[in-house]
Amino acid sequence: MILVPRILDTRVLSPDQVSIGVVTKTFLDGDGRRLLALLVKPGPFKKSKILRVDDIERVGNDNVILAKGCSLIRKKDPRCRSLLRSEPSLVGRKVMSPKGKGLGRVRSAKYRLTDGGLESISISENIFVALSSGGYSVKSEGIISFSDNEIEVDEEKLISTGSILTDQMSVLGTKMAGLRRGAENLINSRERSFIIGKTSSHDITDETGEKVIDKGEIITDDHISRASKANKLHHLTLAAGKVEIRSRFQKWKDK
């Protein structure tokens, strides 16, 4: 899914994750029902090039990945002549009902990655209303007609949407949860590599009193699995760490 204007300033990467440039503009077909291409700025003092939607492998939260075997096109390429004359965006256009009632302006537009077709547009009276109270969205089949400055939609097909702040908080919460899970997995992985094969300094039991490991036992994958299920992995790490400290202290004394 490609969301305009969020796609702007997004970094474009090659299939092997090498940075190619940043998206600076979008190109639509005549009425805006299809996204054709993106304008990409490779860097300072370098000429912008065009990335066709057909050449995109996928779009993430922070980047656009180029499909294998594809490359950016120079603006002088004959295939780009029609693109350079096309409309840059639907954002900002007035939205009207068939009876001439003003419904607001387009704040964003979603396009399918498969064919570049318009999926939906979001509408609000102004940016302040969008931030606090939300607005509306309408799918492409609810759009009746396009003109240079206005879009006519079926008022009965408007869908109420949440505020931008609410949406952003939801996205932020999802990202934070992912980072937390990643950090926990990293810690657990390092703990596992540290304690495997070491000796437990004391008995560890779960909340029901079932034994996880006995004092003096060598820690195995089975013990680590049981400790993880019982939320006792940190206890097992401490038990292994005490023996490790004692062992090193004894070696120091012996020297």
Protein backbone atom coordinates (compact mmCIF):
# COMPACT_ATOMS: atom_id res chain seq x y z
CA MET A 1 0.00 0.00 0.00
CA ILE A 2 1.27 3.47 -0.92
CA LEU A 3 -0.03 6.37 1.15
CA VAL A 4 0.34 9.90 -0.22
CA PRO A 5 1.70 12.22 1.19
CA ARG A 6 3.37 9.85 3.71
CA ILE A 7 5.44 8.31 0.93
CA LEU A 8 7.23 11.64 0.45
CA ASP A 9 10.71 11.82 2.04
CA THR A 10 10.73 8.00 2.29
CA ARG A 11 14.08 6.38 1.47
CA VAL A 12 14.33 4.11 -1.58
CA LEU A 13 16.51 1.01 -1.22
CA SER A 14 17.87 -1.50 -3.72
CA PRO A 15 17.02 -5.22 -3.24
CA ASP A 16 20.29 -5.61 -1.28
CA GLN A 17 19.36 -2.70 1.04
CA VAL A 18 21.63 -0.05 -0.52
CA SER A 19 20.20 3.49 -0.35
CA ILE A 20 19.28 4.89 -3.76
CA GLY A 21 17.61 8.16 -2.80
CA VAL A 22 14.55 9.83 -1.29
CA VAL A 23 11.02 10.20 -2.73
CA THR A 24 10.27 13.87 -3.46
CA LYS A 25 7.16 13.77 -5.69
CA THR A 26 4.38 11.53 -7.03
CA PHE A 27 2.98 11.22 -10.56
CA LEU A 28 -0.67 10.34 -11.21
CA ASP A 29 -2.63 9.57 -14.34
CA GLY A 30 -5.03 12.13 -15.83
CA ASP A 31 -7.72 12.15 -13.12
CA GLY A 32 -5.78 10.76 -10.19
CA ARG A 33 -7.28 7.28 -10.09
CA ARG A 34 -3.88 5.65 -10.53
CA LEU A 35 -0.41 6.30 -9.14
CA LEU A 36 2.11 5.87 -11.96
CA ALA A 37 5.52 6.68 -10.52
CA LEU A 38 7.64 8.39 -7.85
CA LEU A 39 10.33 11.01 -8.33
CA VAL A 40 13.50 10.03 -6.46
CA LYS A 41 16.36 12.39 -5.53
CA PRO A 42 19.59 10.34 -5.30
CA GLY A 43 21.49 12.97 -3.32
CA PRO A 44 23.06 16.44 -3.41
CA PHE A 45 24.19 17.61 -6.86
CA LYS A 46 22.61 14.54 -8.49
CA LYS A 47 19.71 14.65 -10.92
CA SER A 48 16.37 13.17 -9.85
CA LYS A 49 15.19 9.97 -11.48
CA ILE A 50 11.82 8.25 -11.82
CA LEU A 51 10.72 5.02 -10.16
CA ARG A 52 7.68 3.41 -11.75
CA VAL A 53 5.19 1.72 -9.43
CA ASP A 54 5.62 -1.47 -11.48
CA ASP A 55 9.27 -1.56 -10.39
CA ILE A 56 8.54 -1.48 -6.63
CA GLU A 57 8.85 -4.75 -4.72
CA ARG A 58 7.32 -3.55 -1.45
CA VAL A 59 6.67 -0.47 0.70
CA GLY A 60 7.43 -0.45 4.43
CA ASN A 61 6.94 2.13 7.17
CA ASP A 62 10.29 3.77 6.49
CA ASN A 63 11.42 2.69 3.03
CA VAL A 64 10.57 1.63 -0.50
CA ILE A 65 12.27 -1.52 -1.83
CA LEU A 66 13.12 -1.72 -5.52
CA ALA A 67 12.25 -4.97 -7.31
CA LYS A 68 15.12 -7.19 -8.49
CA GLY A 69 16.36 -6.42 -11.99
CA CYS A 70 14.72 -2.97 -12.01
CA SER A 71 16.33 0.45 -11.91
CA LEU A 72 15.42 4.13 -11.83
CA ILE A 73 14.70 5.88 -15.14
CA ARG A 74 16.27 9.15 -16.26
CA LYS A 75 13.79 12.00 -16.73
CA LYS A 76 14.96 12.38 -20.34
CA ASP A 77 13.81 8.84 -21.10
CA PRO A 78 10.96 8.90 -23.70
CA ARG A 79 8.84 6.78 -21.33
CA CYS A 80 8.78 9.69 -18.87
CA ARG A 81 7.38 12.38 -21.13
CA SER A 82 3.75 11.72 -20.22
CA LEU A 83 4.62 11.34 -16.54
CA LEU A 84 6.17 14.79 -16.30
CA ARG A 85 2.92 16.33 -17.57
CA SER A 86 0.71 14.41 -15.13
CA GLU A 87 -0.89 15.59 -11.89
CA PRO A 88 1.40 15.42 -8.82
CA SER A 89 -1.19 14.66 -6.10
CA LEU A 90 -4.84 14.61 -5.02
CA VAL A 91 -3.95 16.10 -1.64
CA GLY A 92 -5.58 19.49 -1.08
CA ARG A 93 -8.37 19.13 -3.63
CA LYS A 94 -11.87 20.14 -2.58
CA VAL A 95 -14.35 17.31 -2.00
CA MET A 96 -18.00 17.95 -2.86
CA SER A 97 -21.28 16.03 -2.69
CA PRO A 98 -23.47 15.68 -5.84
CA LYS A 99 -25.66 18.47 -4.42
CA GLY A 100 -22.71 20.87 -4.19
CA LYS A 101 -22.16 20.52 -0.44
CA GLY A 102 -18.54 21.06 0.60
CA LEU A 103 -17.21 18.06 2.55
CA GLY A 104 -13.64 19.25 3.11
CA ARG A 105 -10.36 18.59 1.36
CA VAL A 106 -8.31 15.50 0.54
CA ARG A 107 -5.72 14.90 3.30
CA SER A 108 -4.29 11.63 2.00
CA ALA A 109 -4.79 9.01 -0.70
CA LYS A 110 -4.12 5.26 -0.61
CA TYR A 111 -2.94 3.45 -3.75
CA ARG A 112 -2.55 -0.28 -4.33
CA LEU A 113 1.01 -1.45 -4.90
CA THR A 114 -0.10 -4.18 -7.32
CA ASP A 115 -1.40 -1.86 -10.04
CA GLY A 116 -1.15 1.66 -8.62
CA GLY A 117 -4.94 1.95 -8.51
CA LEU A 118 -6.60 4.35 -6.07
CA GLU A 119 -8.09 2.51 -3.10
CA SER A 120 -9.42 5.36 -0.96
CA ILE A 121 -9.05 9.01 0.05
CA SER A 122 -9.30 10.60 3.49
CA ILE A 123 -11.20 13.87 3.91
CA SER A 124 -11.36 16.53 6.62
CA GLU A 125 -12.48 20.15 6.86
CA ASN A 126 -9.00 21.32 7.91
CA ILE A 127 -5.82 19.95 9.46
CA PHE A 128 -6.86 20.97 12.98
CA VAL A 129 -10.10 19.00 12.73
CA ALA A 130 -8.18 16.04 11.32
CA LEU A 131 -5.76 16.15 14.25
CA SER A 132 -8.35 16.34 17.00
CA SER A 133 -11.66 14.94 15.79
CA GLY A 134 -10.86 12.96 12.68
CA GLY A 135 -12.70 13.09 9.38
CA TYR A 136 -13.98 10.76 6.69
CA SER A 137 -12.71 8.34 4.12
CA VAL A 138 -14.29 7.05 0.94
CA LYS A 139 -13.27 4.11 -1.24
CA SER A 140 -12.61 4.59 -4.95
CA GLU A 141 -16.01 3.19 -5.92
CA GLY A 142 -17.61 6.00 -3.91
CA ILE A 143 -15.87 8.64 -6.03
CA ILE A 144 -18.20 9.91 -8.74
CA SER A 145 -15.97 12.25 -10.72
CA PHE A 146 -12.72 14.24 -10.77
CA SER A 147 -11.99 17.75 -11.99
CA ASP A 148 -8.90 19.95 -11.85
CA ASN A 149 -9.78 21.37 -8.44
CA GLU A 150 -12.60 19.20 -7.06
CA ILE A 151 -13.60 15.61 -6.42
CA GLU A 152 -17.26 14.63 -6.29
CA VAL A 153 -18.12 11.73 -3.98
CA ASP A 154 -21.23 9.81 -2.92
CA GLU A 155 -22.01 11.28 0.52
CA GLU A 156 -23.76 8.06 1.59
CA LYS A 157 -20.50 6.11 1.18
CA LEU A 158 -18.43 8.28 3.55
CA ILE A 159 -16.83 6.35 6.42
CA SER A 160 -16.03 8.13 9.70
CA THR A 161 -12.34 7.87 10.66
CA GLY A 162 -10.32 8.48 13.82
CA SER A 163 -8.16 11.52 14.43
CA ILE A 164 -4.61 11.74 13.11
CA LEU A 165 -3.28 11.91 16.66
CA THR A 166 -5.09 8.70 17.57
CA ASP A 167 -3.76 6.95 14.47
CA GLN A 168 -0.22 8.17 15.13
CA MET A 169 -0.36 7.03 18.76
CA SER A 170 -1.55 3.61 17.59
CA VAL A 171 1.35 3.36 15.11
CA LEU A 172 3.81 4.51 17.77
CA GLY A 173 2.44 1.96 20.25
CA THR A 174 2.88 -0.84 17.69
CA LYS A 175 6.47 0.23 16.99
CA MET A 176 7.30 0.45 20.71
CA ALA A 177 5.85 -3.01 21.32
CA GLY A 178 7.98 -4.38 18.48
CA LEU A 179 11.13 -2.74 19.86
CA ARG A 180 10.36 -4.11 23.34
CA ARG A 181 9.89 -7.64 21.98
CA GLY A 182 13.15 -7.32 20.04
CA ALA A 183 15.03 -6.17 23.13
CA GLU A 184 13.55 -8.98 25.22
CA ASN A 185 14.49 -11.57 22.61
CA LEU A 186 18.04 -10.19 22.46
CA ILE A 187 18.40 -10.32 26.25
CA ASN A 188 16.97 -13.84 26.40
CA SER A 189 19.33 -14.97 23.65
CA ARG A 190 22.37 -13.59 25.47
CA GLU A 191 21.22 -15.06 28.76
CA ARG A 192 20.80 -18.46 27.13
CA SER A 193 24.31 -18.41 25.67
CA PHE A 194 25.75 -17.32 29.04
CA ILE A 195 24.09 -19.90 31.30
CA ILE A 196 24.09 -23.03 29.12
CA GLY A 197 26.49 -25.62 30.57
CA LYS A 198 26.95 -23.78 33.88
CA THR A 199 25.95 -25.06 37.33
CA SER A 200 22.98 -23.79 39.29
CA SER A 201 23.91 -22.34 42.72
CA HIS A 202 20.49 -23.12 44.24
CA ASP A 203 17.11 -24.76 43.69
CA ILE A 204 14.57 -22.94 41.51
CA THR A 205 10.85 -23.69 41.48
CA ASP A 206 7.89 -22.23 39.58
CA GLU A 207 4.77 -20.63 41.11
CA THR A 208 3.15 -24.04 41.68
CA GLY A 209 6.19 -25.36 43.52
CA GLU A 210 7.29 -27.63 40.67
CA LYS A 211 11.06 -27.93 40.40
CA VAL A 212 12.75 -26.12 37.51
CA ILE A 213 16.29 -27.12 38.49
CA ASP A 214 18.09 -28.55 41.53
CA LYS A 215 21.11 -27.02 43.16
CA GLY A 216 24.32 -28.34 41.59
CA GLU A 217 22.69 -29.44 38.31
CA ILE A 218 24.30 -28.54 35.00
CA ILE A 219 22.00 -26.15 33.10
CA THR A 220 20.69 -27.63 29.83
CA ASP A 221 18.29 -26.49 27.11
CA ASP A 222 15.51 -28.33 28.95
CA HIS A 223 16.14 -26.30 32.11
CA ILE A 224 16.17 -23.07 30.11
CA SER A 225 12.89 -24.01 28.41
CA ARG A 226 11.23 -24.79 31.77
CA ALA A 227 12.59 -21.58 33.29
CA SER A 228 11.27 -19.52 30.36
CA LYS A 229 7.77 -21.01 30.64
CA ALA A 230 7.79 -20.30 34.40
CA ASN A 231 9.15 -16.73 33.91
CA LYS A 232 12.22 -17.76 35.92
CA LEU A 233 14.90 -17.31 33.27
CA HIS A 234 16.43 -14.34 35.10
CA HIS A 235 16.51 -16.40 38.32
CA LEU A 236 18.34 -19.14 36.44
CA THR A 237 20.81 -16.58 35.10
CA LEU A 238 21.51 -15.33 38.64
CA ALA A 239 21.96 -18.91 39.86
CA ALA A 240 24.49 -19.55 37.09
CA GLY A 241 26.18 -16.21 37.68
CA LYS A 242 26.82 -16.87 41.39
CA VAL A 243 28.64 -20.10 40.59
CA GLU A 244 30.61 -18.34 37.84
CA ILE A 245 31.70 -15.58 40.26
CA ARG A 246 32.68 -18.10 42.93
CA SER A 247 34.66 -20.10 40.40
CA ARG A 248 36.57 -17.05 39.18
CA PHE A 249 37.21 -15.89 42.73
CA GLN A 250 38.60 -19.29 43.65
CA LYS A 251 40.88 -19.27 40.59
CA TRP A 252 42.14 -15.83 41.64
CA LYS A 253 42.82 -17.09 45.17
CA ASP A 254 44.66 -20.13 43.86
CA LYS A 255 46.95 -17.90 41.80
